[in-house]
Amino acid sequence: MASVPLLALLAAPAHADVPEGWGGAREHRNLDALHALGIYVGAPALLFVLIVLAVYLPAMVRGEKLLPDHSEGEGHWIGGPRQGVAELPAPDGEDSRAGGASGSW
């Protein structure tokens, strides 16, 4: 039972002096607009440029193409005939499966 008051005394806040400079007198440093613009806009923009250079510069030095080629290429039928649909056999009868897709229920 005697441990409860002892624990209460140990849990009391510490009585220490506030360090010098932390007291009521505070120094406010004013941040001018140009300095704030440099910190909040200039620093991220510089970081962005450095990252872009780190990604693209090695490829540019090697002479690689950086932008995709969006020109219309000829279509490819993977696994199909090389001459297009002219090479496909025509159906030779009702039971023939040649000549295209079919389905039945």
PDB file of N, CA and C in Angstrom:
ATOM      1  N   MET A   1       0.805  -1.188   0.000  1.00  0.00           N
ATOM      2  CA  MET A   1       0.000   0.000   0.000  1.00  0.00           C
ATOM      3  C   MET A   1       0.856   1.263   0.000  1.00  0.00           C
ATOM      4  N   ALA A   2       2.013   1.166   0.519  1.00  0.00           N
ATOM      5  CA  ALA A   2       2.885   2.341   0.584  1.00  0.00           C
ATOM      6  C   ALA A   2       3.493   2.654  -0.771  1.00  0.00           C
ATOM      7  N   SER A   3       3.394   1.712  -1.705  1.00  0.00           N
ATOM      8  CA  SER A   3       3.994   1.943  -3.019  1.00  0.00           C
ATOM      9  C   SER A   3       3.162   2.907  -3.869  1.00  0.00           C
ATOM     10  N   VAL A   4       1.866   3.044  -3.607  1.00  0.00           N
ATOM     11  CA  VAL A   4       1.011   3.939  -4.399  1.00  0.00           C
ATOM     12  C   VAL A   4       1.429   5.404  -4.221  1.00  0.00           C
ATOM     13  N   PRO A   5       1.590   5.932  -2.982  1.00  0.00           N
ATOM     14  CA  PRO A   5       2.038   7.321  -2.858  1.00  0.00           C
ATOM     15  C   PRO A   5       3.457   7.520  -3.400  1.00  0.00           C
ATOM     16  N   LEU A   6       4.288   6.504  -3.259  1.00  0.00           N
ATOM     17  CA  LEU A   6       5.642   6.611  -3.783  1.00  0.00           C
ATOM     18  C   LEU A   6       5.632   6.719  -5.313  1.00  0.00           C
ATOM     19  N   LEU A   7       4.801   5.920  -5.963  1.00  0.00           N
ATOM     20  CA  LEU A   7       4.671   5.999  -7.414  1.00  0.00           C
ATOM     21  C   LEU A   7       4.085   7.340  -7.836  1.00  0.00           C
ATOM     22  N   ALA A   8       3.167   7.890  -7.056  1.00  0.00           N
ATOM     23  CA  ALA A   8       2.581   9.195  -7.372  1.00  0.00           C
ATOM     24  C   ALA A   8       3.640  10.291  -7.276  1.00  0.00           C
ATOM     25  N   LEU A   9       4.540  10.199  -6.313  1.00  0.00           N
ATOM     26  CA  LEU A   9       5.600  11.188  -6.194  1.00  0.00           C
ATOM     27  C   LEU A   9       6.608  11.066  -7.333  1.00  0.00           C
ATOM     28  N   LEU A  10       6.858   9.847  -7.776  1.00  0.00           N
ATOM     29  CA  LEU A  10       7.789   9.649  -8.877  1.00  0.00           C
ATOM     30  C   LEU A  10       7.205  10.118 -10.209  1.00  0.00           C
ATOM     31  N   ALA A  11       5.876  10.102 -10.314  1.00  0.00           N
ATOM     32  CA  ALA A  11       5.222  10.486 -11.549  1.00  0.00           C
ATOM     33  C   ALA A  11       5.023  11.994 -11.656  1.00  0.00           C
ATOM     34  N   ALA A  12       5.365  12.748 -10.649  1.00  0.00           N
ATOM     35  CA  ALA A  12       5.202  14.205 -10.678  1.00  0.00           C
ATOM     36  C   ALA A  12       6.144  14.800 -11.714  1.00  0.00           C
ATOM     37  N   PRO A  13       5.782  15.935 -12.295  1.00  0.00           N
ATOM     38  CA  PRO A  13       6.647  16.537 -13.303  1.00  0.00           C
ATOM     39  C   PRO A  13       7.980  16.992 -12.718  1.00  0.00           C
ATOM     40  N   ALA A  14       8.987  16.982 -13.544  1.00  0.00           N
ATOM     41  CA  ALA A  14      10.312  17.404 -13.110  1.00  0.00           C
ATOM     42  C   ALA A  14      10.331  18.926 -12.997  1.00  0.00           C
ATOM     43  N   HIS A  15      11.045  19.412 -12.023  1.00  0.00           N
ATOM     44  CA  HIS A  15      11.168  20.853 -11.828  1.00  0.00           C
ATOM     45  C   HIS A  15      12.539  21.271 -12.328  1.00  0.00           C
ATOM     46  N   ALA A  16      12.554  21.741 -13.576  1.00  0.00           N
ATOM     47  CA  ALA A  16      13.818  22.146 -14.181  1.00  0.00           C
ATOM     48  C   ALA A  16      13.645  23.545 -14.746  1.00  0.00           C
ATOM     49  N   ASP A  17      14.731  24.250 -14.846  1.00  0.00           N
ATOM     50  CA  ASP A  17      14.696  25.586 -15.423  1.00  0.00           C
ATOM     51  C   ASP A  17      14.664  25.469 -16.946  1.00  0.00           C
ATOM     52  N   VAL A  18      14.020  26.445 -17.544  1.00  0.00           N
ATOM     53  CA  VAL A  18      13.961  26.513 -18.995  1.00  0.00           C
ATOM     54  C   VAL A  18      15.318  26.995 -19.498  1.00  0.00           C
ATOM     55  N   PRO A  19      15.878  26.325 -20.514  1.00  0.00           N
ATOM     56  CA  PRO A  19      17.180  26.747 -21.026  1.00  0.00           C
ATOM     57  C   PRO A  19      17.143  28.182 -21.560  1.00  0.00           C
ATOM     58  N   GLU A  20      18.297  28.809 -21.563  1.00  0.00           N
ATOM     59  CA  GLU A  20      18.392  30.181 -22.050  1.00  0.00           C
ATOM     60  C   GLU A  20      17.977  30.251 -23.507  1.00  0.00           C
ATOM     61  N   GLY A  21      17.227  31.287 -23.838  1.00  0.00           N
ATOM     62  CA  GLY A  21      16.762  31.453 -25.201  1.00  0.00           C
ATOM     63  C   GLY A  21      15.444  30.771 -25.484  1.00  0.00           C
ATOM     64  N   TRP A  22      14.965  29.925 -24.581  1.00  0.00           N
ATOM     65  CA  TRP A  22      13.699  29.240 -24.779  1.00  0.00           C
ATOM     66  C   TRP A  22      12.564  29.945 -24.055  1.00  0.00           C
ATOM     67  N   GLY A  23      12.868  30.911 -23.321  1.00  0.00           N
ATOM     68  CA  GLY A  23      11.869  31.574 -22.476  1.00  0.00           C
ATOM     69  C   GLY A  23      10.869  32.391 -23.276  1.00  0.00           C
ATOM     70  N   GLY A  24      10.309  33.422 -22.640  1.00  0.00           N
ATOM     71  CA  GLY A  24       9.275  34.248 -23.256  1.00  0.00           C
ATOM     72  C   GLY A  24       9.775  35.084 -24.413  1.00  0.00           C
ATOM     73  N   ALA A  25      11.026  35.480 -24.384  1.00  0.00           N
ATOM     74  CA  ALA A  25      11.552  36.302 -25.475  1.00  0.00           C
ATOM     75  C   ALA A  25      11.903  35.402 -26.654  1.00  0.00           C
ATOM     76  N   ARG A  26      11.181  35.586 -27.771  1.00  0.00           N
ATOM     77  CA  ARG A  26      11.413  34.753 -28.947  1.00  0.00           C
ATOM     78  C   ARG A  26      11.891  35.634 -30.092  1.00  0.00           C
ATOM     79  N   GLU A  27      12.805  35.100 -30.827  1.00  0.00           N
ATOM     80  CA  GLU A  27      13.294  35.792 -32.010  1.00  0.00           C
ATOM     81  C   GLU A  27      12.562  35.241 -33.223  1.00  0.00           C
ATOM     82  N   HIS A  28      11.869  36.112 -33.919  1.00  0.00           N
ATOM     83  CA  HIS A  28      11.185  35.686 -35.138  1.00  0.00           C
ATOM     84  C   HIS A  28      12.047  36.081 -36.327  1.00  0.00           C
ATOM     85  N   ARG A  29      12.312  35.123 -37.147  1.00  0.00           N
ATOM     86  CA  ARG A  29      13.069  35.415 -38.360  1.00  0.00           C
ATOM     87  C   ARG A  29      12.076  35.582 -39.496  1.00  0.00           C
ATOM     88  N   ASN A  30      12.130  36.704 -40.127  1.00  0.00           N
ATOM     89  CA  ASN A  30      11.225  36.962 -41.238  1.00  0.00           C
ATOM     90  C   ASN A  30      11.802  36.359 -42.510  1.00  0.00           C
ATOM     91  N   LEU A  31      10.940  35.735 -43.268  1.00  0.00           N
ATOM     92  CA  LEU A  31      11.320  35.101 -44.522  1.00  0.00           C
ATOM     93  C   LEU A  31      10.755  35.961 -45.637  1.00  0.00           C
ATOM     94  N   ASP A  32      11.629  36.600 -46.409  1.00  0.00           N
ATOM     95  CA  ASP A  32      11.131  37.457 -47.476  1.00  0.00           C
ATOM     96  C   ASP A  32      10.594  36.604 -48.629  1.00  0.00           C
ATOM     97  N   ALA A  33       9.834  37.227 -49.508  1.00  0.00           N
ATOM     98  CA  ALA A  33       9.131  36.501 -50.570  1.00  0.00           C
ATOM     99  C   ALA A  33      10.097  35.817 -51.529  1.00  0.00           C
ATOM    100  N   LEU A  34      11.193  36.462 -51.844  1.00  0.00           N
ATOM    101  CA  LEU A  34      12.147  35.873 -52.780  1.00  0.00           C
ATOM    102  C   LEU A  34      12.808  34.621 -52.197  1.00  0.00           C
ATOM    103  N   HIS A  35      13.138  34.684 -50.923  1.00  0.00           N
ATOM    104  CA  HIS A  35      13.738  33.526 -50.256  1.00  0.00           C
ATOM    105  C   HIS A  35      12.720  32.384 -50.166  1.00  0.00           C
ATOM    106  N   ALA A  36      11.477  32.702 -49.826  1.00  0.00           N
ATOM    107  CA  ALA A  36      10.427  31.681 -49.740  1.00  0.00           C
ATOM    108  C   ALA A  36      10.182  31.054 -51.107  1.00  0.00           C
ATOM    109  N   LEU A  37      10.177  31.887 -52.154  1.00  0.00           N
ATOM    110  CA  LEU A  37       9.986  31.367 -53.502  1.00  0.00           C
ATOM    111  C   LEU A  37      11.131  30.434 -53.889  1.00  0.00           C
ATOM    112  N   GLY A  38      12.330  30.794 -53.493  1.00  0.00           N
ATOM    113  CA  GLY A  38      13.472  29.938 -53.782  1.00  0.00           C
ATOM    114  C   GLY A  38      13.401  28.604 -53.072  1.00  0.00           C
ATOM    115  N   ILE A  39      12.916  28.613 -51.847  1.00  0.00           N
ATOM    116  CA  ILE A  39      12.832  27.368 -51.071  1.00  0.00           C
ATOM    117  C   ILE A  39      11.680  26.491 -51.540  1.00  0.00           C
ATOM    118  N   TYR A  40      10.498  27.074 -51.722  1.00  0.00           N
ATOM    119  CA  TYR A  40       9.300  26.280 -51.990  1.00  0.00           C
ATOM    120  C   TYR A  40       9.045  26.009 -53.474  1.00  0.00           C
ATOM    121  N   VAL A  41       9.662  26.772 -54.363  1.00  0.00           N
ATOM    122  CA  VAL A  41       9.479  26.538 -55.798  1.00  0.00           C
ATOM    123  C   VAL A  41      10.811  26.177 -56.454  1.00  0.00           C
ATOM    124  N   GLY A  42      11.838  26.935 -56.163  1.00  0.00           N
ATOM    125  CA  GLY A  42      13.121  26.729 -56.815  1.00  0.00           C
ATOM    126  C   GLY A  42      13.782  25.406 -56.469  1.00  0.00           C
ATOM    127  N   ALA A  43      13.771  25.045 -55.208  1.00  0.00           N
ATOM    128  CA  ALA A  43      14.415  23.792 -54.793  1.00  0.00           C
ATOM    129  C   ALA A  43      13.716  22.570 -55.406  1.00  0.00           C
ATOM    130  N   PRO A  44      12.378  22.470 -55.364  1.00  0.00           N
ATOM    131  CA  PRO A  44      11.745  21.319 -56.032  1.00  0.00           C
ATOM    132  C   PRO A  44      11.958  21.323 -57.548  1.00  0.00           C
ATOM    133  N   ALA A  45      11.951  22.504 -58.174  1.00  0.00           N
ATOM    134  CA  ALA A  45      12.183  22.571 -59.621  1.00  0.00           C
ATOM    135  C   ALA A  45      13.603  22.104 -59.955  1.00  0.00           C
ATOM    136  N   LEU A  46      14.571  22.512 -59.164  1.00  0.00           N
ATOM    137  CA  LEU A  46      15.946  22.074 -59.379  1.00  0.00           C
ATOM    138  C   LEU A  46      16.067  20.563 -59.202  1.00  0.00           C
ATOM    139  N   LEU A  47      15.413  20.022 -58.194  1.00  0.00           N
ATOM    140  CA  LEU A  47      15.430  18.579 -57.972  1.00  0.00           C
ATOM    141  C   LEU A  47      14.783  17.841 -59.141  1.00  0.00           C
ATOM    142  N   PHE A  48      13.690  18.385 -59.669  1.00  0.00           N
ATOM    143  CA  PHE A  48      13.022  17.783 -60.820  1.00  0.00           C
ATOM    144  C   PHE A  48      13.951  17.760 -62.030  1.00  0.00           C
ATOM    145  N   VAL A  49      14.622  18.870 -62.287  1.00  0.00           N
ATOM    146  CA  VAL A  49      15.541  18.948 -63.428  1.00  0.00           C
ATOM    147  C   VAL A  49      16.699  17.963 -63.260  1.00  0.00           C
ATOM    148  N   LEU A  50      17.225  17.844 -62.056  1.00  0.00           N
ATOM    149  CA  LEU A  50      18.319  16.904 -61.823  1.00  0.00           C
ATOM    150  C   LEU A  50      17.887  15.459 -62.043  1.00  0.00           C
ATOM    151  N   ILE A  51      16.681  15.116 -61.624  1.00  0.00           N
ATOM    152  CA  ILE A  51      16.173  13.751 -61.814  1.00  0.00           C
ATOM    153  C   ILE A  51      15.952  13.475 -63.299  1.00  0.00           C
ATOM    154  N   VAL A  52      15.376  14.448 -64.026  1.00  0.00           N
ATOM    155  CA  VAL A  52      15.157  14.278 -65.466  1.00  0.00           C
ATOM    156  C   VAL A  52      16.495  14.090 -66.181  1.00  0.00           C
ATOM    157  N   LEU A  53      17.486  14.898 -65.823  1.00  0.00           N
ATOM    158  CA  LEU A  53      18.804  14.744 -66.436  1.00  0.00           C
ATOM    159  C   LEU A  53      19.425  13.388 -66.103  1.00  0.00           C
ATOM    160  N   ALA A  54      19.266  12.942 -64.880  1.00  0.00           N
ATOM    161  CA  ALA A  54      19.836  11.651 -64.485  1.00  0.00           C
ATOM    162  C   ALA A  54      19.190  10.498 -65.248  1.00  0.00           C
ATOM    163  N   VAL A  55      17.925  10.667 -65.648  1.00  0.00           N
ATOM    164  CA  VAL A  55      17.235   9.604 -66.374  1.00  0.00           C
ATOM    165  C   VAL A  55      17.534   9.679 -67.867  1.00  0.00           C
ATOM    166  N   TYR A  56      17.444  10.869 -68.462  1.00  0.00           N
ATOM    167  CA  TYR A  56      17.549  10.999 -69.910  1.00  0.00           C
ATOM    168  C   TYR A  56      18.961  11.205 -70.442  1.00  0.00           C
ATOM    169  N   LEU A  57      19.843  11.775 -69.666  1.00  0.00           N
ATOM    170  CA  LEU A  57      21.182  12.083 -70.165  1.00  0.00           C
ATOM    171  C   LEU A  57      21.955  10.845 -70.627  1.00  0.00           C
ATOM    172  N   PRO A  58      21.968   9.738 -69.894  1.00  0.00           N
ATOM    173  CA  PRO A  58      22.694   8.562 -70.392  1.00  0.00           C
ATOM    174  C   PRO A  58      22.155   8.052 -71.729  1.00  0.00           C
ATOM    175  N   ALA A  59      20.825   8.094 -71.908  1.00  0.00           N
ATOM    176  CA  ALA A  59      20.240   7.642 -73.169  1.00  0.00           C
ATOM    177  C   ALA A  59      20.593   8.597 -74.301  1.00  0.00           C
ATOM    178  N   MET A  60      20.616   9.892 -74.024  1.00  0.00           N
ATOM    179  CA  MET A  60      20.977  10.861 -75.056  1.00  0.00           C
ATOM    180  C   MET A  60      22.441  10.709 -75.445  1.00  0.00           C
ATOM    181  N   VAL A  61      23.309  10.423 -74.495  1.00  0.00           N
ATOM    182  CA  VAL A  61      24.729  10.234 -74.799  1.00  0.00           C
ATOM    183  C   VAL A  61      24.929   8.996 -75.667  1.00  0.00           C
ATOM    184  N   ARG A  62      24.151   7.944 -75.420  1.00  0.00           N
ATOM    185  CA  ARG A  62      24.246   6.722 -76.226  1.00  0.00           C
ATOM    186  C   ARG A  62      23.601   6.885 -77.593  1.00  0.00           C
ATOM    187  N   GLY A  63      22.833   7.965 -77.788  1.00  0.00           N
ATOM    188  CA  GLY A  63      22.189   8.211 -79.079  1.00  0.00           C
ATOM    189  C   GLY A  63      20.881   7.469 -79.255  1.00  0.00           C
ATOM    190  N   GLU A  64      20.247   7.068 -78.190  1.00  0.00           N
ATOM    191  CA  GLU A  64      18.973   6.356 -78.289  1.00  0.00           C
ATOM    192  C   GLU A  64      17.840   7.323 -78.583  1.00  0.00           C
ATOM    193  N   LYS A  65      16.761   6.770 -79.172  1.00  0.00           N
ATOM    194  CA  LYS A  65      15.567   7.566 -79.405  1.00  0.00           C
ATOM    195  C   LYS A  65      14.826   7.706 -78.087  1.00  0.00           C
ATOM    196  N   LEU A  66      14.439   8.930 -77.752  1.00  0.00           N
ATOM    197  CA  LEU A  66      13.791   9.158 -76.469  1.00  0.00           C
ATOM    198  C   LEU A  66      12.270   9.138 -76.559  1.00  0.00           C
ATOM    199  N   LEU A  67      11.728   9.521 -77.703  1.00  0.00           N
ATOM    200  CA  LEU A  67      10.280   9.564 -77.860  1.00  0.00           C
ATOM    201  C   LEU A  67       9.814   8.365 -78.671  1.00  0.00           C
ATOM    202  N   PRO A  68       8.631   7.832 -78.359  1.00  0.00           N
ATOM    203  CA  PRO A  68       8.139   6.679 -79.116  1.00  0.00           C
ATOM    204  C   PRO A  68       7.742   7.092 -80.533  1.00  0.00           C
ATOM    205  N   ASP A  69       7.826   6.157 -81.454  1.00  0.00           N
ATOM    206  CA  ASP A  69       7.451   6.391 -82.837  1.00  0.00           C
ATOM    207  C   ASP A  69       5.968   6.073 -82.989  1.00  0.00           C
ATOM    208  N   HIS A  70       5.160   7.118 -83.216  1.00  0.00           N
ATOM    209  CA  HIS A  70       3.714   6.930 -83.324  1.00  0.00           C
ATOM    210  C   HIS A  70       3.253   6.831 -84.774  1.00  0.00           C
ATOM    211  N   SER A  71       4.174   6.586 -85.695  1.00  0.00           N
ATOM    212  CA  SER A  71       3.774   6.464 -87.094  1.00  0.00           C
ATOM    213  C   SER A  71       2.978   5.176 -87.281  1.00  0.00           C
ATOM    214  N   GLU A  72       2.077   5.242 -88.244  1.00  0.00           N
ATOM    215  CA  GLU A  72       1.213   4.098 -88.512  1.00  0.00           C
ATOM    216  C   GLU A  72       2.030   3.028 -89.222  1.00  0.00           C
ATOM    217  N   GLY A  73       2.220   1.926 -88.596  1.00  0.00           N
ATOM    218  CA  GLY A  73       2.956   0.825 -89.207  1.00  0.00           C
ATOM    219  C   GLY A  73       1.985  -0.141 -89.840  1.00  0.00           C
ATOM    220  N   GLU A  74       2.507  -1.113 -90.551  1.00  0.00           N
ATOM    221  CA  GLU A  74       1.616  -2.100 -91.147  1.00  0.00           C
ATOM    222  C   GLU A  74       1.207  -3.105 -90.082  1.00  0.00           C
ATOM    223  N   GLY A  75      -0.013  -3.592 -90.218  1.00  0.00           N
ATOM    224  CA  GLY A  75      -0.535  -4.530 -89.239  1.00  0.00           C
ATOM    225  C   GLY A  75       0.147  -5.880 -89.335  1.00  0.00           C
ATOM    226  N   HIS A  76       0.246  -6.562 -88.235  1.00  0.00           N
ATOM    227  CA  HIS A  76       0.876  -7.879 -88.198  1.00  0.00           C
ATOM    228  C   HIS A  76      -0.140  -8.895 -87.701  1.00  0.00           C
ATOM    229  N   TRP A  77      -0.195  -9.982 -88.388  1.00  0.00           N
ATOM    230  CA  TRP A  77      -1.038 -11.085 -87.968  1.00  0.00           C
ATOM    231  C   TRP A  77      -0.091 -12.159 -87.455  1.00  0.00           C
ATOM    232  N   ILE A  78       0.032 -12.259 -86.158  1.00  0.00           N
ATOM    233  CA  ILE A  78       1.001 -13.173 -85.561  1.00  0.00           C
ATOM    234  C   ILE A  78       0.508 -14.603 -85.739  1.00  0.00           C
ATOM    235  N   GLY A  79       1.304 -15.385 -86.399  1.00  0.00           N
ATOM    236  CA  GLY A  79       0.944 -16.780 -86.641  1.00  0.00           C
ATOM    237  C   GLY A  79       0.073 -16.966 -87.865  1.00  0.00           C
ATOM    238  N   GLY A  80      -0.276 -15.890 -88.558  1.00  0.00           N
ATOM    239  CA  GLY A  80      -1.127 -15.981 -89.742  1.00  0.00           C
ATOM    240  C   GLY A  80      -0.302 -16.105 -91.008  1.00  0.00           C
ATOM    241  N   PRO A  81      -0.976 -16.172 -92.149  1.00  0.00           N
ATOM    242  CA  PRO A  81      -0.255 -16.297 -93.413  1.00  0.00           C
ATOM    243  C   PRO A  81       0.517 -15.021 -93.738  1.00  0.00           C
ATOM    244  N   ARG A  82       1.627 -15.165 -94.439  1.00  0.00           N
ATOM    245  CA  ARG A  82       2.484 -14.020 -94.753  1.00  0.00           C
ATOM    246  C   ARG A  82       1.890 -13.126 -95.841  1.00  0.00           C
ATOM    247  N   GLN A  83       1.066 -13.644 -96.701  1.00  0.00           N
ATOM    248  CA  GLN A  83       0.519 -12.867 -97.819  1.00  0.00           C
ATOM    249  C   GLN A  83      -0.841 -12.254 -97.477  1.00  0.00           C
ATOM    250  N   GLY A  84      -1.307 -12.354 -96.250  1.00  0.00           N
ATOM    251  CA  GLY A  84      -2.616 -11.795 -95.904  1.00  0.00           C
ATOM    252  C   GLY A  84      -3.721 -12.797 -96.109  1.00  0.00           C
ATOM    253  N   VAL A  85      -4.938 -12.288 -96.263  1.00  0.00           N
ATOM    254  CA  VAL A  85      -6.098 -13.177 -96.354  1.00  0.00           C
ATOM    255  C   VAL A  85      -6.194 -13.869 -97.698  1.00  0.00           C
ATOM    256  N   ALA A  86      -5.447 -13.396 -98.703  1.00  0.00           N
ATOM    257  CA  ALA A  86      -5.484 -14.051-100.012  1.00  0.00           C
ATOM    258  C   ALA A  86      -4.930 -15.471 -99.951  1.00  0.00           C
ATOM    259  N   GLU A  87      -4.110 -15.725 -98.980  1.00  0.00           N
ATOM    260  CA  GLU A  87      -3.483 -17.039 -98.849  1.00  0.00           C
ATOM    261  C   GLU A  87      -4.385 -18.047 -98.130  1.00  0.00           C
ATOM    262  N   LEU A  88      -5.457 -17.579 -97.505  1.00  0.00           N
ATOM    263  CA  LEU A  88      -6.344 -18.481 -96.769  1.00  0.00           C
ATOM    264  C   LEU A  88      -7.144 -19.351 -97.729  1.00  0.00           C
ATOM    265  N   PRO A  89      -7.329 -20.618 -97.396  1.00  0.00           N
ATOM    266  CA  PRO A  89      -8.126 -21.474 -98.286  1.00  0.00           C
ATOM    267  C   PRO A  89      -9.613 -21.139 -98.161  1.00  0.00           C
ATOM    268  N   ALA A  90     -10.291 -21.269 -99.250  1.00  0.00           N
ATOM    269  CA  ALA A  90     -11.738 -21.035 -99.251  1.00  0.00           C
ATOM    270  C   ALA A  90     -12.444 -22.299 -98.761  1.00  0.00           C
ATOM    271  N   PRO A  91     -13.631 -22.164 -98.203  1.00  0.00           N
ATOM    272  CA  PRO A  91     -14.349 -23.374 -97.773  1.00  0.00           C
ATOM    273  C   PRO A  91     -14.743 -24.215 -98.991  1.00  0.00           C
ATOM    274  N   ASP A  92     -14.548 -25.537 -98.889  1.00  0.00           N
ATOM    275  CA  ASP A  92     -14.850 -26.403-100.019  1.00  0.00           C
ATOM    276  C   ASP A  92     -16.184 -27.125 -99.853  1.00  0.00           C
ATOM    277  N   GLY A  93     -16.876 -26.944 -98.766  1.00  0.00           N
ATOM    278  CA  GLY A  93     -18.171 -27.594 -98.592  1.00  0.00           C
ATOM    279  C   GLY A  93     -18.849 -27.077 -97.322  1.00  0.00           C
ATOM    280  N   GLU A  94     -20.012 -27.658 -97.019  1.00  0.00           N
ATOM    281  CA  GLU A  94     -20.774 -27.240 -95.844  1.00  0.00           C
ATOM    282  C   GLU A  94     -20.068 -27.598 -94.536  1.00  0.00           C
ATOM    283  N   ASP A  95     -19.345 -28.723 -94.541  1.00  0.00           N
ATOM    284  CA  ASP A  95     -18.686 -29.193 -93.319  1.00  0.00           C
ATOM    285  C   ASP A  95     -17.288 -28.606 -93.144  1.00  0.00           C
ATOM    286  N   SER A  96     -16.815 -27.846 -94.113  1.00  0.00           N
ATOM    287  CA  SER A  96     -15.456 -27.335 -94.085  1.00  0.00           C
ATOM    288  C   SER A  96     -15.296 -26.274 -92.995  1.00  0.00           C
ATOM    289  N   ARG A  97     -14.167 -26.291 -92.345  1.00  0.00           N
ATOM    290  CA  ARG A  97     -13.868 -25.283 -91.324  1.00  0.00           C
ATOM    291  C   ARG A  97     -12.903 -24.232 -91.846  1.00  0.00           C
ATOM    292  N   ALA A  98     -12.495 -24.347 -93.073  1.00  0.00           N
ATOM    293  CA  ALA A  98     -11.581 -23.386 -93.663  1.00  0.00           C
ATOM    294  C   ALA A  98     -12.308 -22.099 -94.007  1.00  0.00           C
ATOM    295  N   GLY A  99     -11.611 -20.992 -93.986  1.00  0.00           N
ATOM    296  CA  GLY A  99     -12.189 -19.746 -94.465  1.00  0.00           C
ATOM    297  C   GLY A  99     -12.630 -18.782 -93.379  1.00  0.00           C
ATOM    298  N   GLY A 100     -12.510 -19.085 -92.132  1.00  0.00           N
ATOM    299  CA  GLY A 100     -12.872 -18.106 -91.124  1.00  0.00           C
ATOM    300  C   GLY A 100     -13.481 -18.761 -89.903  1.00  0.00           C
ATOM    301  N   ALA A 101     -13.964 -17.891 -89.026  1.00  0.00           N
ATOM    302  CA  ALA A 101     -14.538 -18.383 -87.770  1.00  0.00           C
ATOM    303  C   ALA A 101     -15.977 -18.759 -87.967  1.00  0.00           C
ATOM    304  N   SER A 102     -16.415 -19.725 -87.234  1.00  0.00           N
ATOM    305  CA  SER A 102     -17.834 -20.112 -87.282  1.00  0.00           C
ATOM    306  C   SER A 102     -18.226 -20.570 -85.886  1.00  0.00           C
ATOM    307  N   GLY A 103     -19.482 -20.541 -85.645  1.00  0.00           N
ATOM    308  CA  GLY A 103     -19.964 -20.975 -84.343  1.00  0.00           C
ATOM    309  C   GLY A 103     -21.354 -21.545 -84.486  1.00  0.00           C
ATOM    310  N   SER A 104     -21.703 -22.425 -83.588  1.00  0.00           N
ATOM    311  CA  SER A 104     -23.055 -22.979 -83.619  1.00  0.00           C
ATOM    312  C   SER A 104     -23.485 -23.252 -82.188  1.00  0.00           C
ATOM    313  N   TRP A 105     -24.769 -23.272 -82.031  1.00  0.00           N
ATOM    314  CA  TRP A 105     -25.329 -23.501 -80.707  1.00  0.00           C
ATOM    315  C   TRP A 105     -25.802 -24.910 -80.569  1.00  0.00           C
TER     316      TRP A 105
END
